[in-house]
Amino acid sequence: MERLTCIAIDDDMVALKIVSSLVEKTDFLKLVGTYQNSIKGAAAIVELKPDIVFLDVQMPDLTGMEILASLQSKPQVILVTSQEKFAVKAFEFDVADYLVKPIENFGRFLKAVTKAKSNIDDKEPISSDSKNLFVKSESLLINLNLKEILYVEAYGDYVKIHTKERTHVVYGKLKDTEESLPESEFVRVHRSFIVRIDKIKNIDQGNLQIEDKIIPVSASYRSHLLESIKTL
């Protein structure tokens, strides 16, 4: 069985040692790094792309919440806190679970990581070989060819999937749609837009063009966009 990679970020060395010990007891987890420095820990999330992050809430330099807010692509996060009051705040950031220090109960730890594992298992991103996506638009289940998609737009509690022929309005979050699309073909460029890479006509400082549509490109997503396209 391939183990899930995880890192722990906490300015408290004792807490890091406890988490490390608990991870060792869990056969589906592999610890690939521990960080007392929150800035280095945040960088490790981007560089190592772990499946699960154990993240302290209150740290100097960067708090756990600030790290969460800075991430474009979030792993499964289990917050570790000395105060249970942060639990409500935790779920505002869509984390998998939280653990209250001192973490002495292996059963509670196992429940949290099992929940994170279940969230990962439930995600079934389309492979680069897949060519179709079923979407529910109104009362119809539509088999949509991925190559037909121009871009996807957030629309309140719905998303709009734009093709050349028509627009499909689908109930759900843009984040869920993003996770269902192959990264090699689609890229998030704004909190409200995902675009198909090979449909982009041009890119300037703050926008890109697909067909006749001008789509904004957020500064926070621009570098990821440029990494996703091939340039000469």
C-alpha atoms as a PDB file:
ATOM      1  CA  MET A   1       0.000   0.000   0.000  1.00  0.00           C
ATOM      2  CA  GLU A   2       1.359   3.412  -0.971  1.00  0.00           C
ATOM      3  CA  ARG A   3       1.574   5.579   2.117  1.00  0.00           C
ATOM      4  CA  LEU A   4       0.306   9.162   2.294  1.00  0.00           C
ATOM      5  CA  THR A   5       3.038  11.740   2.802  1.00  0.00           C
ATOM      6  CA  CYS A   6       2.693  14.252   5.606  1.00  0.00           C
ATOM      7  CA  ILE A   7       4.583  17.080   7.284  1.00  0.00           C
ATOM      8  CA  ALA A   8       4.171  18.755  10.660  1.00  0.00           C
ATOM      9  CA  ILE A   9       4.582  22.486  11.313  1.00  0.00           C
ATOM     10  CA  ASP A  10       4.699  23.599  14.956  1.00  0.00           C
ATOM     11  CA  ASP A  11       6.987  25.913  16.908  1.00  0.00           C
ATOM     12  CA  ASP A  12       6.650  23.522  19.865  1.00  0.00           C
ATOM     13  CA  MET A  13       9.296  20.761  19.562  1.00  0.00           C
ATOM     14  CA  VAL A  14       7.478  18.531  22.052  1.00  0.00           C
ATOM     15  CA  ALA A  15       4.319  18.669  19.931  1.00  0.00           C
ATOM     16  CA  LEU A  16       6.353  17.819  16.815  1.00  0.00           C
ATOM     17  CA  LYS A  17       7.847  14.768  18.544  1.00  0.00           C
ATOM     18  CA  ILE A  18       4.397  13.568  19.618  1.00  0.00           C
ATOM     19  CA  VAL A  19       3.009  13.927  16.094  1.00  0.00           C
ATOM     20  CA  SER A  20       6.071  12.139  14.687  1.00  0.00           C
ATOM     21  CA  SER A  21       5.562   9.260  17.113  1.00  0.00           C
ATOM     22  CA  LEU A  22       1.878   8.934  16.250  1.00  0.00           C
ATOM     23  CA  VAL A  23       2.603   8.996  12.511  1.00  0.00           C
ATOM     24  CA  GLU A  24       5.095   6.146  12.981  1.00  0.00           C
ATOM     25  CA  LYS A  25       2.295   4.054  14.515  1.00  0.00           C
ATOM     26  CA  THR A  26       0.036   4.650  11.486  1.00  0.00           C
ATOM     27  CA  ASP A  27       0.796   2.269   8.651  1.00  0.00           C
ATOM     28  CA  PHE A  28      -0.678   4.417   5.853  1.00  0.00           C
ATOM     29  CA  LEU A  29       1.317   7.563   6.748  1.00  0.00           C
ATOM     30  CA  LYS A  30       4.882   8.597   5.933  1.00  0.00           C
ATOM     31  CA  LEU A  31       6.406  11.660   7.633  1.00  0.00           C
ATOM     32  CA  VAL A  32       8.612  13.587   5.193  1.00  0.00           C
ATOM     33  CA  GLY A  33       9.401  16.666   7.263  1.00  0.00           C
ATOM     34  CA  THR A  34       8.934  18.562  10.538  1.00  0.00           C
ATOM     35  CA  TYR A  35       9.318  22.331  10.855  1.00  0.00           C
ATOM     36  CA  GLN A  36       9.505  24.621  13.877  1.00  0.00           C
ATOM     37  CA  ASN A  37       9.848  27.657  11.621  1.00  0.00           C
ATOM     38  CA  SER A  38       6.446  28.484  10.115  1.00  0.00           C
ATOM     39  CA  ILE A  39       7.923  30.265   7.075  1.00  0.00           C
ATOM     40  CA  LYS A  40      10.047  27.233   6.175  1.00  0.00           C
ATOM     41  CA  GLY A  41       7.040  25.014   6.817  1.00  0.00           C
ATOM     42  CA  ALA A  42       4.867  27.036   4.440  1.00  0.00           C
ATOM     43  CA  ALA A  43       7.562  26.762   1.777  1.00  0.00           C
ATOM     44  CA  ALA A  44       7.749  22.992   2.333  1.00  0.00           C
ATOM     45  CA  ILE A  45       4.022  22.636   1.622  1.00  0.00           C
ATOM     46  CA  VAL A  46       4.552  24.208  -1.795  1.00  0.00           C
ATOM     47  CA  GLU A  47       7.765  22.310  -2.535  1.00  0.00           C
ATOM     48  CA  LEU A  48       6.942  18.834  -1.193  1.00  0.00           C
ATOM     49  CA  LYS A  49       3.195  18.840  -1.910  1.00  0.00           C
ATOM     50  CA  PRO A  50       2.392  16.515   1.006  1.00  0.00           C
ATOM     51  CA  ASP A  51      -0.943  14.743   1.180  1.00  0.00           C
ATOM     52  CA  ILE A  52      -1.543  15.775   4.808  1.00  0.00           C
ATOM     53  CA  VAL A  53      -0.242  18.698   6.898  1.00  0.00           C
ATOM     54  CA  PHE A  54      -0.369  18.853  10.702  1.00  0.00           C
ATOM     55  CA  LEU A  55      -0.472  22.597  11.293  1.00  0.00           C
ATOM     56  CA  ASP A  56      -0.183  24.513  14.545  1.00  0.00           C
ATOM     57  CA  VAL A  57      -2.513  27.498  14.819  1.00  0.00           C
ATOM     58  CA  GLN A  58      -0.509  29.945  16.946  1.00  0.00           C
ATOM     59  CA  MET A  59       3.062  30.465  15.751  1.00  0.00           C
ATOM     60  CA  PRO A  60       5.405  33.459  15.374  1.00  0.00           C
ATOM     61  CA  ASP A  61       6.092  34.865  11.896  1.00  0.00           C
ATOM     62  CA  LEU A  62       3.121  33.112  10.237  1.00  0.00           C
ATOM     63  CA  THR A  63       0.081  31.706  12.030  1.00  0.00           C
ATOM     64  CA  GLY A  64      -1.555  28.534  10.837  1.00  0.00           C
ATOM     65  CA  MET A  65      -4.494  30.529   9.500  1.00  0.00           C
ATOM     66  CA  GLU A  66      -2.174  32.826   7.533  1.00  0.00           C
ATOM     67  CA  ILE A  67      -0.478  29.801   5.981  1.00  0.00           C
ATOM     68  CA  LEU A  68      -3.854  28.332   5.019  1.00  0.00           C
ATOM     69  CA  ALA A  69      -4.971  31.602   3.447  1.00  0.00           C
ATOM     70  CA  SER A  70      -1.777  31.797   1.375  1.00  0.00           C
ATOM     71  CA  LEU A  71      -2.094  28.376  -0.254  1.00  0.00           C
ATOM     72  CA  GLN A  72      -3.451  28.090  -3.782  1.00  0.00           C
ATOM     73  CA  SER A  73      -3.656  24.310  -3.730  1.00  0.00           C
ATOM     74  CA  LYS A  74      -4.463  22.953  -0.287  1.00  0.00           C
ATOM     75  CA  PRO A  75      -3.490  19.508   0.999  1.00  0.00           C
ATOM     76  CA  GLN A  76      -5.579  17.831   3.685  1.00  0.00           C
ATOM     77  CA  VAL A  77      -4.899  19.928   6.793  1.00  0.00           C
ATOM     78  CA  ILE A  78      -5.288  18.811  10.399  1.00  0.00           C
ATOM     79  CA  LEU A  79      -4.983  21.800  12.712  1.00  0.00           C
ATOM     80  CA  VAL A  80      -3.177  21.297  16.000  1.00  0.00           C
ATOM     81  CA  THR A  81      -4.124  23.786  18.699  1.00  0.00           C
ATOM     82  CA  SER A  82      -3.925  24.257  22.446  1.00  0.00           C
ATOM     83  CA  GLN A  83      -7.326  25.986  22.450  1.00  0.00           C
ATOM     84  CA  GLU A  84     -10.489  24.291  21.256  1.00  0.00           C
ATOM     85  CA  LYS A  85     -12.030  27.668  20.419  1.00  0.00           C
ATOM     86  CA  PHE A  86     -10.031  27.600  17.190  1.00  0.00           C
ATOM     87  CA  ALA A  87     -12.021  24.577  16.005  1.00  0.00           C
ATOM     88  CA  VAL A  88     -14.849  26.720  14.596  1.00  0.00           C
ATOM     89  CA  LYS A  89     -12.329  28.900  12.782  1.00  0.00           C
ATOM     90  CA  ALA A  90     -10.682  25.770  11.436  1.00  0.00           C
ATOM     91  CA  PHE A  91     -13.717  24.594   9.526  1.00  0.00           C
ATOM     92  CA  GLU A  92     -14.098  28.005   7.898  1.00  0.00           C
ATOM     93  CA  PHE A  93     -10.889  27.026   6.072  1.00  0.00           C
ATOM     94  CA  ASP A  94     -12.299  23.632   5.068  1.00  0.00           C
ATOM     95  CA  VAL A  95      -9.707  21.632   7.000  1.00  0.00           C
ATOM     96  CA  ALA A  96     -10.061  17.883   7.490  1.00  0.00           C
ATOM     97  CA  ASP A  97     -10.074  17.967  11.307  1.00  0.00           C
ATOM     98  CA  TYR A  98      -8.375  19.459  14.365  1.00  0.00           C
ATOM     99  CA  LEU A  99      -6.486  18.052  17.342  1.00  0.00           C
ATOM    100  CA  VAL A 100      -6.229  19.683  20.763  1.00  0.00           C
ATOM    101  CA  LYS A 101      -2.874  19.657  22.564  1.00  0.00           C
ATOM    102  CA  PRO A 102      -1.584  17.687  24.269  1.00  0.00           C
ATOM    103  CA  ILE A 103      -2.335  14.936  21.754  1.00  0.00           C
ATOM    104  CA  GLU A 104      -2.382  11.912  24.039  1.00  0.00           C
ATOM    105  CA  ASN A 105      -5.153   9.804  22.521  1.00  0.00           C
ATOM    106  CA  PHE A 106      -4.009   7.721  19.545  1.00  0.00           C
ATOM    107  CA  GLY A 107      -7.643   6.881  18.782  1.00  0.00           C
ATOM    108  CA  ARG A 108      -8.488  10.562  18.301  1.00  0.00           C
ATOM    109  CA  PHE A 109      -5.391  11.026  16.133  1.00  0.00           C
ATOM    110  CA  LEU A 110      -6.324   7.996  14.040  1.00  0.00           C
ATOM    111  CA  LYS A 111      -9.857   9.333  13.583  1.00  0.00           C
ATOM    112  CA  ALA A 112      -8.481  12.647  12.238  1.00  0.00           C
ATOM    113  CA  VAL A 113      -6.013  11.091   9.791  1.00  0.00           C
ATOM    114  CA  THR A 114      -8.559   8.513   8.643  1.00  0.00           C
ATOM    115  CA  LYS A 115     -10.937  11.353   7.828  1.00  0.00           C
ATOM    116  CA  ALA A 116      -8.179  13.081   5.839  1.00  0.00           C
ATOM    117  CA  LYS A 117      -7.422   9.812   4.029  1.00  0.00           C
ATOM    118  CA  SER A 118     -11.094   9.368   3.216  1.00  0.00           C
ATOM    119  CA  ASN A 119     -11.233  12.883   1.751  1.00  0.00           C
ATOM    120  CA  ILE A 120      -8.259  12.046  -0.461  1.00  0.00           C
ATOM    121  CA  ASP A 121      -9.769   8.718  -1.544  1.00  0.00           C
ATOM    122  CA  ASP A 122     -13.065  10.431  -2.405  1.00  0.00           C
ATOM    123  CA  LYS A 123     -11.336  12.755  -4.846  1.00  0.00           C
ATOM    124  CA  GLU A 124     -11.139  11.172  -8.263  1.00  0.00           C
ATOM    125  CA  PRO A 125      -9.399  13.627 -10.560  1.00  0.00           C
ATOM    126  CA  ILE A 126      -9.699  12.818 -14.218  1.00  0.00           C
ATOM    127  CA  SER A 127      -6.554  11.289 -15.681  1.00  0.00           C
ATOM    128  CA  SER A 128      -4.874  12.916 -18.636  1.00  0.00           C
ATOM    129  CA  ASP A 129      -6.272  10.051 -20.771  1.00  0.00           C
ATOM    130  CA  SER A 130      -9.881  10.874 -19.859  1.00  0.00           C
ATOM    131  CA  LYS A 131     -11.803  12.857 -22.419  1.00  0.00           C
ATOM    132  CA  ASN A 132     -15.253  13.303 -20.924  1.00  0.00           C
ATOM    133  CA  LEU A 133     -16.983  14.665 -17.855  1.00  0.00           C
ATOM    134  CA  PHE A 134     -20.573  14.032 -16.815  1.00  0.00           C
ATOM    135  CA  VAL A 135     -22.265  17.189 -15.516  1.00  0.00           C
ATOM    136  CA  LYS A 136     -25.766  17.613 -14.146  1.00  0.00           C
ATOM    137  CA  SER A 137     -27.388  20.651 -15.744  1.00  0.00           C
ATOM    138  CA  GLU A 138     -30.995  21.230 -14.673  1.00  0.00           C
ATOM    139  CA  SER A 139     -32.610  17.767 -14.885  1.00  0.00           C
ATOM    140  CA  LEU A 140     -30.165  16.373 -17.446  1.00  0.00           C
ATOM    141  CA  LEU A 141     -26.939  14.429 -16.964  1.00  0.00           C
ATOM    142  CA  ILE A 142     -24.769  15.601 -19.848  1.00  0.00           C
ATOM    143  CA  ASN A 143     -21.709  13.802 -21.185  1.00  0.00           C
ATOM    144  CA  LEU A 144     -19.387  16.727 -21.903  1.00  0.00           C
ATOM    145  CA  ASN A 145     -16.218  16.381 -23.964  1.00  0.00           C
ATOM    146  CA  LEU A 146     -13.391  18.135 -22.090  1.00  0.00           C
ATOM    147  CA  LYS A 147     -12.018  19.578 -25.315  1.00  0.00           C
ATOM    148  CA  GLU A 148     -15.282  21.497 -25.754  1.00  0.00           C
ATOM    149  CA  ILE A 149     -14.801  23.431 -22.498  1.00  0.00           C
ATOM    150  CA  LEU A 150     -13.487  26.968 -22.938  1.00  0.00           C
ATOM    151  CA  TYR A 151     -13.579  28.084 -19.319  1.00  0.00           C
ATOM    152  CA  VAL A 152     -15.438  27.566 -16.048  1.00  0.00           C
ATOM    153  CA  GLU A 153     -16.857  30.430 -14.002  1.00  0.00           C
ATOM    154  CA  ALA A 154     -18.050  30.654 -10.388  1.00  0.00           C
ATOM    155  CA  TYR A 155     -21.706  31.726 -10.173  1.00  0.00           C
ATOM    156  CA  GLY A 156     -22.834  31.911  -6.547  1.00  0.00           C
ATOM    157  CA  ASP A 157     -23.726  28.374  -5.431  1.00  0.00           C
ATOM    158  CA  TYR A 158     -23.279  27.199  -9.024  1.00  0.00           C
ATOM    159  CA  VAL A 159     -20.611  27.080 -11.701  1.00  0.00           C
ATOM    160  CA  LYS A 160     -20.999  27.959 -15.358  1.00  0.00           C
ATOM    161  CA  ILE A 161     -19.209  25.641 -17.770  1.00  0.00           C
ATOM    162  CA  HIS A 162     -18.756  27.589 -20.991  1.00  0.00           C
ATOM    163  CA  THR A 163     -18.387  25.844 -24.347  1.00  0.00           C
ATOM    164  CA  LYS A 164     -18.477  27.358 -27.825  1.00  0.00           C
ATOM    165  CA  GLU A 165     -22.044  26.186 -28.342  1.00  0.00           C
ATOM    166  CA  ARG A 166     -23.658  26.852 -24.964  1.00  0.00           C
ATOM    167  CA  THR A 167     -23.225  27.404 -21.217  1.00  0.00           C
ATOM    168  CA  HIS A 168     -24.045  24.645 -18.708  1.00  0.00           C
ATOM    169  CA  VAL A 169     -25.089  25.806 -15.232  1.00  0.00           C
ATOM    170  CA  VAL A 170     -24.132  23.206 -12.632  1.00  0.00           C
ATOM    171  CA  TYR A 171     -24.740  23.213  -8.884  1.00  0.00           C
ATOM    172  CA  GLY A 172     -21.505  23.100  -6.868  1.00  0.00           C
ATOM    173  CA  LYS A 173     -18.292  24.900  -5.947  1.00  0.00           C
ATOM    174  CA  LEU A 174     -15.574  25.976  -8.365  1.00  0.00           C
ATOM    175  CA  LYS A 175     -13.065  24.159  -6.146  1.00  0.00           C
ATOM    176  CA  ASP A 176     -14.871  20.839  -6.692  1.00  0.00           C
ATOM    177  CA  THR A 177     -14.927  21.378 -10.455  1.00  0.00           C
ATOM    178  CA  GLU A 178     -11.209  22.220 -10.394  1.00  0.00           C
ATOM    179  CA  GLU A 179     -10.451  18.928  -8.652  1.00  0.00           C
ATOM    180  CA  SER A 180     -12.380  17.042 -11.348  1.00  0.00           C
ATOM    181  CA  LEU A 181     -10.405  18.508 -14.241  1.00  0.00           C
ATOM    182  CA  PRO A 182      -6.938  17.343 -15.393  1.00  0.00           C
ATOM    183  CA  GLU A 183      -4.204  19.773 -14.298  1.00  0.00           C
ATOM    184  CA  SER A 184      -2.378  19.258 -17.579  1.00  0.00           C
ATOM    185  CA  GLU A 185      -5.300  20.809 -19.495  1.00  0.00           C
ATOM    186  CA  PHE A 186      -6.928  23.312 -17.120  1.00  0.00           C
ATOM    187  CA  VAL A 187      -5.581  25.997 -14.814  1.00  0.00           C
ATOM    188  CA  ARG A 188      -7.114  28.258 -12.160  1.00  0.00           C
ATOM    189  CA  VAL A 189      -6.401  31.914 -13.016  1.00  0.00           C
ATOM    190  CA  HIS A 190      -8.715  33.733 -10.606  1.00  0.00           C
ATOM    191  CA  ARG A 191     -10.879  32.901  -7.606  1.00  0.00           C
ATOM    192  CA  SER A 192     -13.815  32.865 -10.051  1.00  0.00           C
ATOM    193  CA  PHE A 193     -12.288  31.343 -13.202  1.00  0.00           C
ATOM    194  CA  ILE A 194     -10.687  28.142 -14.490  1.00  0.00           C
ATOM    195  CA  VAL A 195      -9.585  28.097 -18.132  1.00  0.00           C
ATOM    196  CA  ARG A 196      -8.628  25.446 -20.654  1.00  0.00           C
ATOM    197  CA  ILE A 197      -4.955  26.082 -21.431  1.00  0.00           C
ATOM    198  CA  ASP A 198      -5.054  25.353 -25.157  1.00  0.00           C
ATOM    199  CA  LYS A 199      -7.992  27.753 -25.645  1.00  0.00           C
ATOM    200  CA  ILE A 200      -6.031  30.808 -24.455  1.00  0.00           C
ATOM    201  CA  LYS A 201      -5.495  33.307 -27.275  1.00  0.00           C
ATOM    202  CA  ASN A 202      -3.273  35.762 -25.438  1.00  0.00           C
ATOM    203  CA  ILE A 203      -2.213  36.914 -21.978  1.00  0.00           C
ATOM    204  CA  ASP A 204      -1.378  40.413 -20.819  1.00  0.00           C
ATOM    205  CA  GLN A 205      -0.504  41.788 -17.409  1.00  0.00           C
ATOM    206  CA  GLY A 206      -3.898  41.354 -15.789  1.00  0.00           C
ATOM    207  CA  ASN A 207      -6.108  39.441 -18.230  1.00  0.00           C
ATOM    208  CA  LEU A 208      -6.246  36.671 -20.778  1.00  0.00           C
ATOM    209  CA  GLN A 209      -8.498  36.126 -23.790  1.00  0.00           C
ATOM    210  CA  ILE A 210     -10.473  33.036 -24.809  1.00  0.00           C
ATOM    211  CA  GLU A 211     -12.588  33.494 -27.930  1.00  0.00           C
ATOM    212  CA  ASP A 212     -14.060  37.000 -27.402  1.00  0.00           C
ATOM    213  CA  LYS A 213     -14.113  36.718 -23.607  1.00  0.00           C
ATOM    214  CA  ILE A 214     -11.645  38.725 -21.515  1.00  0.00           C
ATOM    215  CA  ILE A 215     -10.932  36.873 -18.263  1.00  0.00           C
ATOM    216  CA  PRO A 216      -9.138  38.459 -15.293  1.00  0.00           C
ATOM    217  CA  VAL A 217      -5.899  36.902 -14.031  1.00  0.00           C
ATOM    218  CA  SER A 218      -5.224  37.442 -10.329  1.00  0.00           C
ATOM    219  CA  ALA A 219      -1.684  38.278  -9.286  1.00  0.00           C
ATOM    220  CA  SER A 220      -1.725  35.291  -6.908  1.00  0.00           C
ATOM    221  CA  TYR A 221      -2.496  32.886  -9.778  1.00  0.00           C
ATOM    222  CA  ARG A 222      -0.354  34.478 -12.501  1.00  0.00           C
ATOM    223  CA  SER A 223       2.889  32.602 -11.747  1.00  0.00           C
ATOM    224  CA  HIS A 224       1.047  29.267 -11.707  1.00  0.00           C
ATOM    225  CA  LEU A 225      -0.563  30.142 -15.051  1.00  0.00           C
ATOM    226  CA  LEU A 226       2.805  30.948 -16.621  1.00  0.00           C
ATOM    227  CA  GLU A 227       4.246  27.688 -15.285  1.00  0.00           C
ATOM    228  CA  SER A 228       1.369  25.783 -16.914  1.00  0.00           C
ATOM    229  CA  ILE A 229       1.902  27.070 -20.427  1.00  0.00           C
ATOM    230  CA  LYS A 230       4.721  26.404 -22.845  1.00  0.00           C
ATOM    231  CA  THR A 231       6.543  29.513 -24.030  1.00  0.00           C
ATOM    232  CA  LEU A 232       9.281  30.082 -26.602  1.00  0.00           C
END
